[in-house]
N, C-alpha and C. Protein backbone atom coordinates (compact mmCIF):
# COMPACT_ATOMS: atom_id res chain seq x y z
N UNK A 1 18.62 -19.74 -30.38
CA UNK A 1 17.55 -19.70 -29.39
C UNK A 1 16.68 -20.95 -29.52
N UNK A 2 16.30 -21.46 -28.40
CA UNK A 2 15.39 -22.60 -28.41
C UNK A 2 13.97 -22.09 -28.56
N UNK A 3 13.07 -22.90 -29.07
CA UNK A 3 11.69 -22.46 -29.29
C UNK A 3 11.01 -21.93 -28.04
N UNK A 4 11.38 -22.42 -26.87
CA UNK A 4 10.71 -21.97 -25.65
C UNK A 4 11.14 -20.56 -25.23
N UNK A 5 12.27 -20.09 -25.74
CA UNK A 5 12.74 -18.76 -25.34
C UNK A 5 12.50 -17.71 -26.40
N UNK A 6 11.91 -18.08 -27.52
CA UNK A 6 11.63 -17.11 -28.58
C UNK A 6 10.44 -16.26 -28.13
N UNK A 7 10.61 -14.94 -28.16
CA UNK A 7 9.47 -14.10 -27.75
C UNK A 7 8.33 -14.22 -28.75
N UNK A 8 7.10 -14.08 -28.29
CA UNK A 8 5.97 -14.20 -29.20
C UNK A 8 5.95 -13.03 -30.18
N UNK A 9 5.45 -13.29 -31.37
CA UNK A 9 5.32 -12.23 -32.37
C UNK A 9 4.08 -11.41 -32.04
N UNK A 10 3.95 -10.29 -32.74
CA UNK A 10 2.76 -9.47 -32.52
C UNK A 10 1.49 -10.23 -32.89
N UNK A 11 1.57 -11.03 -33.95
CA UNK A 11 0.40 -11.82 -34.37
C UNK A 11 0.00 -12.80 -33.27
N UNK A 12 0.98 -13.43 -32.64
CA UNK A 12 0.68 -14.37 -31.56
C UNK A 12 0.09 -13.63 -30.35
N UNK A 13 0.61 -12.45 -30.07
CA UNK A 13 0.05 -11.65 -28.97
C UNK A 13 -1.38 -11.25 -29.28
N UNK A 14 -1.63 -10.84 -30.53
CA UNK A 14 -2.99 -10.47 -30.93
C UNK A 14 -3.94 -11.65 -30.79
N UNK A 15 -3.49 -12.82 -31.26
CA UNK A 15 -4.31 -14.02 -31.16
C UNK A 15 -4.63 -14.33 -29.70
N UNK A 16 -3.61 -14.25 -28.85
CA UNK A 16 -3.81 -14.49 -27.42
C UNK A 16 -4.83 -13.50 -26.84
N UNK A 17 -4.72 -12.24 -27.22
CA UNK A 17 -5.64 -11.20 -26.74
C UNK A 17 -7.07 -11.54 -27.15
N UNK A 18 -7.28 -11.87 -28.42
CA UNK A 18 -8.63 -12.15 -28.90
C UNK A 18 -9.21 -13.41 -28.26
N UNK A 19 -8.37 -14.42 -28.08
CA UNK A 19 -8.85 -15.63 -27.41
C UNK A 19 -9.26 -15.34 -25.98
N UNK A 20 -8.46 -14.54 -25.30
CA UNK A 20 -8.81 -14.16 -23.92
C UNK A 20 -10.11 -13.37 -23.91
N UNK A 21 -10.29 -12.48 -24.87
CA UNK A 21 -11.49 -11.67 -24.94
C UNK A 21 -12.72 -12.56 -25.16
N UNK A 22 -12.61 -13.51 -26.08
CA UNK A 22 -13.73 -14.41 -26.37
C UNK A 22 -14.08 -15.25 -25.15
N UNK A 23 -13.06 -15.74 -24.45
CA UNK A 23 -13.28 -16.58 -23.26
C UNK A 23 -13.69 -15.75 -22.05
N UNK A 24 -13.48 -14.45 -22.09
CA UNK A 24 -13.80 -13.60 -20.95
C UNK A 24 -12.74 -13.65 -19.86
N UNK A 25 -11.49 -13.90 -20.24
CA UNK A 25 -10.39 -14.00 -19.27
C UNK A 25 -9.77 -12.64 -18.98
N UNK A 26 -10.57 -11.69 -18.64
CA UNK A 26 -10.05 -10.36 -18.36
C UNK A 26 -10.43 -9.92 -16.96
N UNK A 27 -10.29 -10.81 -16.01
CA UNK A 27 -10.67 -10.50 -14.63
C UNK A 27 -9.94 -9.28 -14.10
N UNK A 28 -8.64 -9.16 -14.41
CA UNK A 28 -7.89 -8.01 -13.89
C UNK A 28 -8.40 -6.70 -14.47
N UNK A 29 -8.83 -6.72 -15.74
CA UNK A 29 -9.39 -5.51 -16.33
C UNK A 29 -10.75 -5.20 -15.74
N UNK A 30 -11.55 -6.22 -15.48
CA UNK A 30 -12.86 -6.01 -14.88
C UNK A 30 -12.73 -5.42 -13.48
N UNK A 31 -11.74 -5.90 -12.71
CA UNK A 31 -11.53 -5.36 -11.37
C UNK A 31 -11.12 -3.90 -11.45
N UNK A 32 -10.21 -3.57 -12.37
CA UNK A 32 -9.77 -2.19 -12.54
C UNK A 32 -10.94 -1.32 -12.96
N UNK A 33 -11.73 -1.81 -13.91
CA UNK A 33 -12.89 -1.06 -14.38
C UNK A 33 -13.88 -0.84 -13.24
N UNK A 34 -14.09 -1.85 -12.42
CA UNK A 34 -15.02 -1.72 -11.30
C UNK A 34 -14.55 -0.66 -10.32
N UNK A 35 -13.24 -0.59 -10.08
CA UNK A 35 -12.72 0.42 -9.17
C UNK A 35 -12.92 1.82 -9.72
N UNK A 36 -12.77 1.99 -11.03
CA UNK A 36 -12.88 3.31 -11.63
C UNK A 36 -14.33 3.73 -11.83
N UNK A 37 -15.20 2.76 -12.13
CA UNK A 37 -16.57 3.09 -12.48
C UNK A 37 -17.51 2.99 -11.29
N UNK A 38 -17.31 2.01 -10.45
CA UNK A 38 -18.24 1.76 -9.36
C UNK A 38 -17.75 2.38 -8.06
N UNK A 39 -18.32 3.51 -7.66
CA UNK A 39 -17.93 4.10 -6.39
C UNK A 39 -18.51 3.32 -5.23
N UNK A 40 -18.08 3.68 -4.05
CA UNK A 40 -18.66 3.09 -2.86
C UNK A 40 -20.11 3.48 -2.75
N UNK A 41 -20.82 2.96 -1.77
CA UNK A 41 -22.25 3.22 -1.66
C UNK A 41 -22.60 4.69 -1.54
N UNK A 42 -21.81 5.47 -0.80
CA UNK A 42 -22.20 6.87 -0.61
C UNK A 42 -21.03 7.83 -0.74
N UNK A 43 -19.84 7.33 -1.02
CA UNK A 43 -18.69 8.23 -1.09
C UNK A 43 -17.82 7.88 -2.28
N UNK A 44 -17.56 8.86 -3.10
CA UNK A 44 -16.66 8.68 -4.24
C UNK A 44 -15.31 9.24 -3.85
N UNK A 45 -14.30 8.83 -4.59
CA UNK A 45 -12.97 9.37 -4.33
C UNK A 45 -12.83 10.70 -5.07
N UNK A 46 -13.65 11.64 -4.65
CA UNK A 46 -13.66 12.99 -5.20
C UNK A 46 -13.18 13.93 -4.11
N UNK A 47 -12.36 14.88 -4.49
CA UNK A 47 -11.87 15.89 -3.55
C UNK A 47 -12.33 17.25 -4.04
N UNK A 48 -12.85 18.04 -3.11
CA UNK A 48 -13.25 19.41 -3.42
C UNK A 48 -12.18 20.33 -2.86
N UNK A 49 -11.65 21.19 -3.71
CA UNK A 49 -10.60 22.13 -3.34
C UNK A 49 -11.16 23.55 -3.36
N UNK A 50 -11.15 24.19 -2.20
CA UNK A 50 -11.63 25.57 -2.09
C UNK A 50 -10.45 26.48 -1.78
N UNK A 51 -10.33 27.58 -2.53
CA UNK A 51 -9.24 28.52 -2.25
C UNK A 51 -9.74 29.93 -1.92
N UNK A 52 -11.05 30.09 -1.87
CA UNK A 52 -11.63 31.39 -1.51
C UNK A 52 -12.99 31.16 -0.85
N UNK A 53 -13.50 32.14 -0.16
CA UNK A 53 -14.77 31.96 0.57
C UNK A 53 -16.01 32.18 -0.30
N UNK A 54 -15.90 31.88 -1.59
CA UNK A 54 -17.03 32.09 -2.49
C UNK A 54 -16.87 31.21 -3.73
N UNK A 55 -17.95 31.10 -4.48
CA UNK A 55 -17.88 30.48 -5.80
C UNK A 55 -17.77 31.60 -6.80
N UNK A 56 -16.72 31.58 -7.57
CA UNK A 56 -16.51 32.68 -8.51
C UNK A 56 -15.93 33.88 -7.78
N UNK A 57 -16.24 35.07 -8.28
CA UNK A 57 -15.68 36.29 -7.65
C UNK A 57 -16.07 36.39 -6.17
N UNK A 58 -15.19 36.99 -5.40
CA UNK A 58 -15.46 37.15 -3.97
C UNK A 58 -16.41 38.33 -3.78
N UNK A 59 -17.69 38.05 -3.89
CA UNK A 59 -18.72 39.07 -3.67
C UNK A 59 -19.90 38.39 -2.98
N UNK A 60 -20.97 39.15 -2.77
CA UNK A 60 -22.13 38.61 -2.06
C UNK A 60 -22.74 37.42 -2.80
N UNK A 61 -22.82 37.51 -4.11
CA UNK A 61 -23.38 36.41 -4.89
C UNK A 61 -22.49 35.18 -4.79
N UNK A 62 -21.18 35.35 -4.88
CA UNK A 62 -20.25 34.22 -4.77
C UNK A 62 -20.36 33.53 -3.42
N UNK A 63 -20.50 34.31 -2.34
CA UNK A 63 -20.64 33.74 -1.00
C UNK A 63 -21.96 32.98 -0.88
N UNK A 64 -23.03 33.54 -1.46
CA UNK A 64 -24.34 32.89 -1.41
C UNK A 64 -24.31 31.58 -2.22
N UNK A 65 -23.66 31.61 -3.37
CA UNK A 65 -23.56 30.40 -4.19
C UNK A 65 -22.80 29.29 -3.45
N UNK A 66 -21.73 29.66 -2.73
CA UNK A 66 -20.98 28.67 -1.97
C UNK A 66 -21.85 28.08 -0.86
N UNK A 67 -22.62 28.93 -0.17
CA UNK A 67 -23.53 28.42 0.88
C UNK A 67 -24.52 27.42 0.28
N UNK A 68 -25.11 27.77 -0.85
CA UNK A 68 -26.08 26.88 -1.48
C UNK A 68 -25.42 25.57 -1.94
N UNK A 69 -24.23 25.67 -2.48
CA UNK A 69 -23.52 24.46 -2.90
C UNK A 69 -23.25 23.55 -1.71
N UNK A 70 -22.75 24.11 -0.63
CA UNK A 70 -22.42 23.30 0.55
C UNK A 70 -23.67 22.68 1.17
N UNK A 71 -24.79 23.42 1.18
CA UNK A 71 -26.04 22.85 1.69
C UNK A 71 -26.49 21.69 0.80
N UNK A 72 -26.38 21.87 -0.51
CA UNK A 72 -26.76 20.79 -1.43
C UNK A 72 -25.86 19.58 -1.23
N UNK A 73 -24.58 19.81 -0.97
CA UNK A 73 -23.64 18.72 -0.76
C UNK A 73 -23.98 17.92 0.50
N UNK A 74 -24.42 18.62 1.54
CA UNK A 74 -24.81 17.95 2.78
C UNK A 74 -25.95 16.97 2.52
N UNK A 75 -26.91 17.36 1.68
CA UNK A 75 -28.08 16.52 1.43
C UNK A 75 -27.91 15.55 0.26
N UNK A 76 -26.84 15.70 -0.50
CA UNK A 76 -26.61 14.81 -1.62
C UNK A 76 -26.22 13.43 -1.12
N UNK A 77 -26.69 12.42 -1.78
CA UNK A 77 -26.38 11.05 -1.38
C UNK A 77 -24.90 10.74 -1.57
N UNK A 78 -24.30 11.26 -2.61
CA UNK A 78 -22.88 11.02 -2.89
C UNK A 78 -22.04 12.10 -2.22
N UNK A 79 -21.04 11.67 -1.49
CA UNK A 79 -20.18 12.59 -0.75
C UNK A 79 -18.76 12.55 -1.31
N UNK A 80 -18.06 13.67 -1.22
CA UNK A 80 -16.65 13.64 -1.60
C UNK A 80 -15.84 12.96 -0.50
N UNK A 81 -14.64 12.57 -0.84
CA UNK A 81 -13.74 11.99 0.17
C UNK A 81 -13.22 13.07 1.09
N UNK A 82 -12.95 14.27 0.52
CA UNK A 82 -12.39 15.35 1.32
C UNK A 82 -12.77 16.71 0.76
N UNK A 83 -12.78 17.69 1.65
CA UNK A 83 -12.88 19.10 1.28
C UNK A 83 -11.59 19.73 1.79
N UNK A 84 -10.83 20.33 0.88
CA UNK A 84 -9.55 20.93 1.24
C UNK A 84 -9.69 22.44 1.18
N UNK A 85 -9.31 23.10 2.27
CA UNK A 85 -9.40 24.56 2.37
C UNK A 85 -7.99 25.14 2.33
N UNK A 86 -7.71 25.91 1.28
CA UNK A 86 -6.40 26.56 1.17
C UNK A 86 -6.61 28.06 0.99
N UNK A 87 -5.56 28.80 1.18
CA UNK A 87 -5.54 30.26 1.03
C UNK A 87 -6.68 30.88 1.84
N UNK A 88 -7.44 31.79 1.25
CA UNK A 88 -8.51 32.49 1.98
C UNK A 88 -9.59 31.54 2.49
N UNK A 89 -9.77 30.42 1.83
CA UNK A 89 -10.81 29.46 2.25
C UNK A 89 -10.50 28.83 3.60
N UNK A 90 -9.26 28.91 4.06
CA UNK A 90 -8.92 28.35 5.38
C UNK A 90 -9.78 28.98 6.47
N UNK A 91 -10.17 30.22 6.28
CA UNK A 91 -10.99 30.92 7.28
C UNK A 91 -12.41 30.37 7.37
N UNK A 92 -12.80 29.56 6.41
CA UNK A 92 -14.14 28.96 6.44
C UNK A 92 -14.29 27.94 7.57
N UNK A 93 -13.18 27.51 8.16
CA UNK A 93 -13.22 26.55 9.27
C UNK A 93 -13.28 27.23 10.63
N UNK A 94 -13.45 28.54 10.64
CA UNK A 94 -13.48 29.31 11.90
C UNK A 94 -14.91 29.57 12.36
N UNK A 95 -15.04 29.91 13.63
CA UNK A 95 -16.34 30.33 14.17
C UNK A 95 -16.81 31.54 13.37
N UNK A 96 -18.09 31.58 13.09
CA UNK A 96 -18.66 32.69 12.34
C UNK A 96 -18.68 32.48 10.84
N UNK A 97 -18.07 31.40 10.37
CA UNK A 97 -18.07 31.10 8.94
C UNK A 97 -19.49 30.80 8.48
N UNK A 98 -19.82 31.26 7.29
CA UNK A 98 -21.17 31.04 6.77
C UNK A 98 -21.43 29.58 6.40
N UNK A 99 -20.37 28.79 6.28
CA UNK A 99 -20.57 27.37 5.94
C UNK A 99 -20.02 26.44 7.02
N UNK A 100 -19.77 26.97 8.20
CA UNK A 100 -19.23 26.14 9.28
C UNK A 100 -20.16 24.97 9.61
N UNK A 101 -21.44 25.23 9.67
CA UNK A 101 -22.40 24.17 9.98
C UNK A 101 -22.35 23.06 8.93
N UNK A 102 -22.31 23.45 7.66
CA UNK A 102 -22.27 22.44 6.60
C UNK A 102 -20.96 21.64 6.65
N UNK A 103 -19.85 22.32 6.91
CA UNK A 103 -18.57 21.61 7.03
C UNK A 103 -18.60 20.62 8.20
N UNK A 104 -19.21 21.03 9.31
CA UNK A 104 -19.32 20.15 10.48
C UNK A 104 -20.17 18.92 10.16
N UNK A 105 -21.28 19.14 9.48
CA UNK A 105 -22.16 18.02 9.11
C UNK A 105 -21.43 17.08 8.15
N UNK A 106 -20.75 17.65 7.17
CA UNK A 106 -20.00 16.81 6.23
C UNK A 106 -18.95 15.97 6.96
N UNK A 107 -18.30 16.59 7.93
CA UNK A 107 -17.29 15.86 8.71
C UNK A 107 -17.95 14.70 9.47
N UNK A 108 -19.13 14.95 10.03
CA UNK A 108 -19.88 13.89 10.72
C UNK A 108 -20.29 12.78 9.75
N UNK A 109 -20.49 13.15 8.49
CA UNK A 109 -20.88 12.18 7.47
C UNK A 109 -19.68 11.43 6.89
N UNK A 110 -18.50 11.70 7.42
CA UNK A 110 -17.31 10.96 7.00
C UNK A 110 -16.42 11.66 5.99
N UNK A 111 -16.73 12.90 5.67
CA UNK A 111 -15.91 13.67 4.74
C UNK A 111 -14.77 14.32 5.52
N UNK A 112 -13.55 14.16 5.03
CA UNK A 112 -12.40 14.79 5.69
C UNK A 112 -12.37 16.27 5.32
N UNK A 113 -12.19 17.11 6.32
CA UNK A 113 -12.02 18.54 6.08
C UNK A 113 -10.58 18.87 6.44
N UNK A 114 -9.81 19.26 5.43
CA UNK A 114 -8.39 19.56 5.62
C UNK A 114 -8.15 21.05 5.45
N UNK A 115 -7.41 21.63 6.38
CA UNK A 115 -7.05 23.05 6.31
C UNK A 115 -5.55 23.13 6.11
N UNK A 116 -5.14 23.83 5.09
CA UNK A 116 -3.72 23.96 4.75
C UNK A 116 -2.95 24.63 5.89
N UNK A 117 -1.88 23.99 6.35
CA UNK A 117 -1.08 24.51 7.46
C UNK A 117 -0.45 25.85 7.11
N UNK A 118 0.03 26.01 5.88
CA UNK A 118 0.67 27.27 5.49
C UNK A 118 -0.34 28.42 5.52
N UNK A 119 -1.56 28.16 5.06
CA UNK A 119 -2.60 29.19 5.08
C UNK A 119 -3.01 29.51 6.51
N UNK A 120 -3.19 28.48 7.33
CA UNK A 120 -3.57 28.70 8.73
C UNK A 120 -2.49 29.49 9.47
N UNK A 121 -1.23 29.17 9.22
CA UNK A 121 -0.13 29.91 9.86
C UNK A 121 -0.08 31.35 9.37
N UNK A 122 -0.27 31.54 8.08
CA UNK A 122 -0.24 32.89 7.50
C UNK A 122 -1.29 33.79 8.15
N UNK A 123 -2.48 33.24 8.39
CA UNK A 123 -3.56 34.03 8.97
C UNK A 123 -3.61 33.93 10.50
N UNK A 124 -2.73 33.14 11.09
CA UNK A 124 -2.68 32.99 12.55
C UNK A 124 -3.93 32.35 13.13
N UNK A 125 -4.46 31.35 12.45
CA UNK A 125 -5.74 30.76 12.87
C UNK A 125 -5.62 29.28 13.25
N UNK A 126 -4.41 28.75 13.32
CA UNK A 126 -4.22 27.32 13.56
C UNK A 126 -4.93 26.82 14.81
N UNK A 127 -4.96 27.64 15.85
CA UNK A 127 -5.56 27.21 17.12
C UNK A 127 -7.03 27.62 17.24
N UNK A 128 -7.61 28.15 16.17
CA UNK A 128 -9.00 28.63 16.22
C UNK A 128 -9.97 27.80 15.39
N UNK A 129 -9.49 26.74 14.78
CA UNK A 129 -10.35 25.94 13.89
C UNK A 129 -11.49 25.29 14.67
N UNK A 130 -12.68 25.36 14.11
CA UNK A 130 -13.85 24.74 14.71
C UNK A 130 -14.24 23.45 13.99
N UNK A 131 -13.65 23.21 12.85
CA UNK A 131 -13.92 22.01 12.07
C UNK A 131 -12.66 21.63 11.30
N UNK A 132 -12.53 20.33 11.04
CA UNK A 132 -11.40 19.87 10.24
C UNK A 132 -10.12 19.79 11.04
N UNK A 133 -9.04 19.51 10.32
CA UNK A 133 -7.74 19.47 10.96
C UNK A 133 -6.68 20.02 10.02
N UNK A 134 -5.59 20.44 10.61
CA UNK A 134 -4.48 21.02 9.87
C UNK A 134 -3.79 19.93 9.05
N UNK A 135 -3.50 20.23 7.80
CA UNK A 135 -2.83 19.27 6.92
C UNK A 135 -1.66 19.96 6.22
N UNK A 136 -0.54 19.25 6.16
CA UNK A 136 0.59 19.81 5.43
C UNK A 136 0.44 19.50 3.94
N UNK A 137 1.34 20.06 3.14
CA UNK A 137 1.23 19.89 1.69
C UNK A 137 1.41 18.44 1.25
N UNK A 138 2.17 17.65 2.00
CA UNK A 138 2.30 16.23 1.65
C UNK A 138 0.94 15.55 1.72
N UNK A 139 0.20 15.82 2.80
CA UNK A 139 -1.13 15.24 2.98
C UNK A 139 -2.09 15.74 1.90
N UNK A 140 -2.04 17.04 1.64
CA UNK A 140 -2.92 17.62 0.62
C UNK A 140 -2.60 17.03 -0.75
N UNK A 141 -1.32 16.94 -1.07
CA UNK A 141 -0.90 16.34 -2.36
C UNK A 141 -1.38 14.90 -2.47
N UNK A 142 -1.25 14.14 -1.41
CA UNK A 142 -1.72 12.75 -1.44
C UNK A 142 -3.20 12.69 -1.78
N UNK A 143 -4.00 13.54 -1.15
CA UNK A 143 -5.44 13.54 -1.43
C UNK A 143 -5.72 13.94 -2.88
N UNK A 144 -5.05 14.99 -3.35
CA UNK A 144 -5.30 15.47 -4.70
C UNK A 144 -4.84 14.46 -5.76
N UNK A 145 -3.66 13.91 -5.57
CA UNK A 145 -3.09 13.01 -6.58
C UNK A 145 -3.75 11.63 -6.59
N UNK A 146 -4.33 11.22 -5.48
CA UNK A 146 -5.00 9.92 -5.42
C UNK A 146 -6.50 10.01 -5.68
N UNK A 147 -7.00 11.21 -5.87
CA UNK A 147 -8.43 11.39 -6.12
C UNK A 147 -8.79 10.94 -7.53
N UNK A 148 -9.97 10.40 -7.65
CA UNK A 148 -10.51 10.05 -8.95
C UNK A 148 -10.82 11.33 -9.72
N UNK A 149 -11.27 12.35 -8.98
CA UNK A 149 -11.60 13.64 -9.58
C UNK A 149 -11.38 14.73 -8.54
N UNK A 150 -10.83 15.87 -8.97
CA UNK A 150 -10.68 17.04 -8.11
C UNK A 150 -11.58 18.13 -8.66
N UNK A 151 -12.42 18.67 -7.79
CA UNK A 151 -13.32 19.76 -8.17
C UNK A 151 -12.81 21.01 -7.47
N UNK A 152 -12.37 21.97 -8.26
CA UNK A 152 -11.88 23.22 -7.68
C UNK A 152 -12.98 24.26 -7.78
N UNK A 153 -13.35 24.78 -6.63
CA UNK A 153 -14.41 25.79 -6.59
C UNK A 153 -13.83 27.14 -6.26
C-alpha cells in the first residue's frame, strides 16, 4: 500500500477530531444541533395523538381535563405540528364535540388536524367531519415517525 491509501489510525482520527474541535470546524454538528434544539418561532415538530375523548379514564373529569388542555393549547405560544385523532377520538372532529371550537382554532393557527380513515370508516363519520381531514395510516405514520416528540393523551 502506498502512504496515500493507508487508512488513518484511531490516534490520527482522534487528533483530527480534537483539532477540529479547537478550531470550531463543526458546522455540520452545529446545524444538526440547531435543528433539534431550536424550534421555529411558534411551532415545534411535536405531534399530539388522541385515542379517546378524554384525558385519562373516559369519565366526566377526563373530558373536562381534555377541554382544559385544548383551551390551554389554543392560547399557548408554542403549537404542535399536528393533532391526530384515532379510535374514539375521531368523533371529536364532529359537530357537537366539546373541543370542536379549539380544534378549529388550532387548525386556523396552522396545526394540522388528522382523523384516522379506519376510525372514521368504522364509525361511519367520514362525511360528517367539521374540522381536519381524513388521513390514512401512511400519512399518520409519517407524522409520528418524523416528529421530534409525540405526546399521547
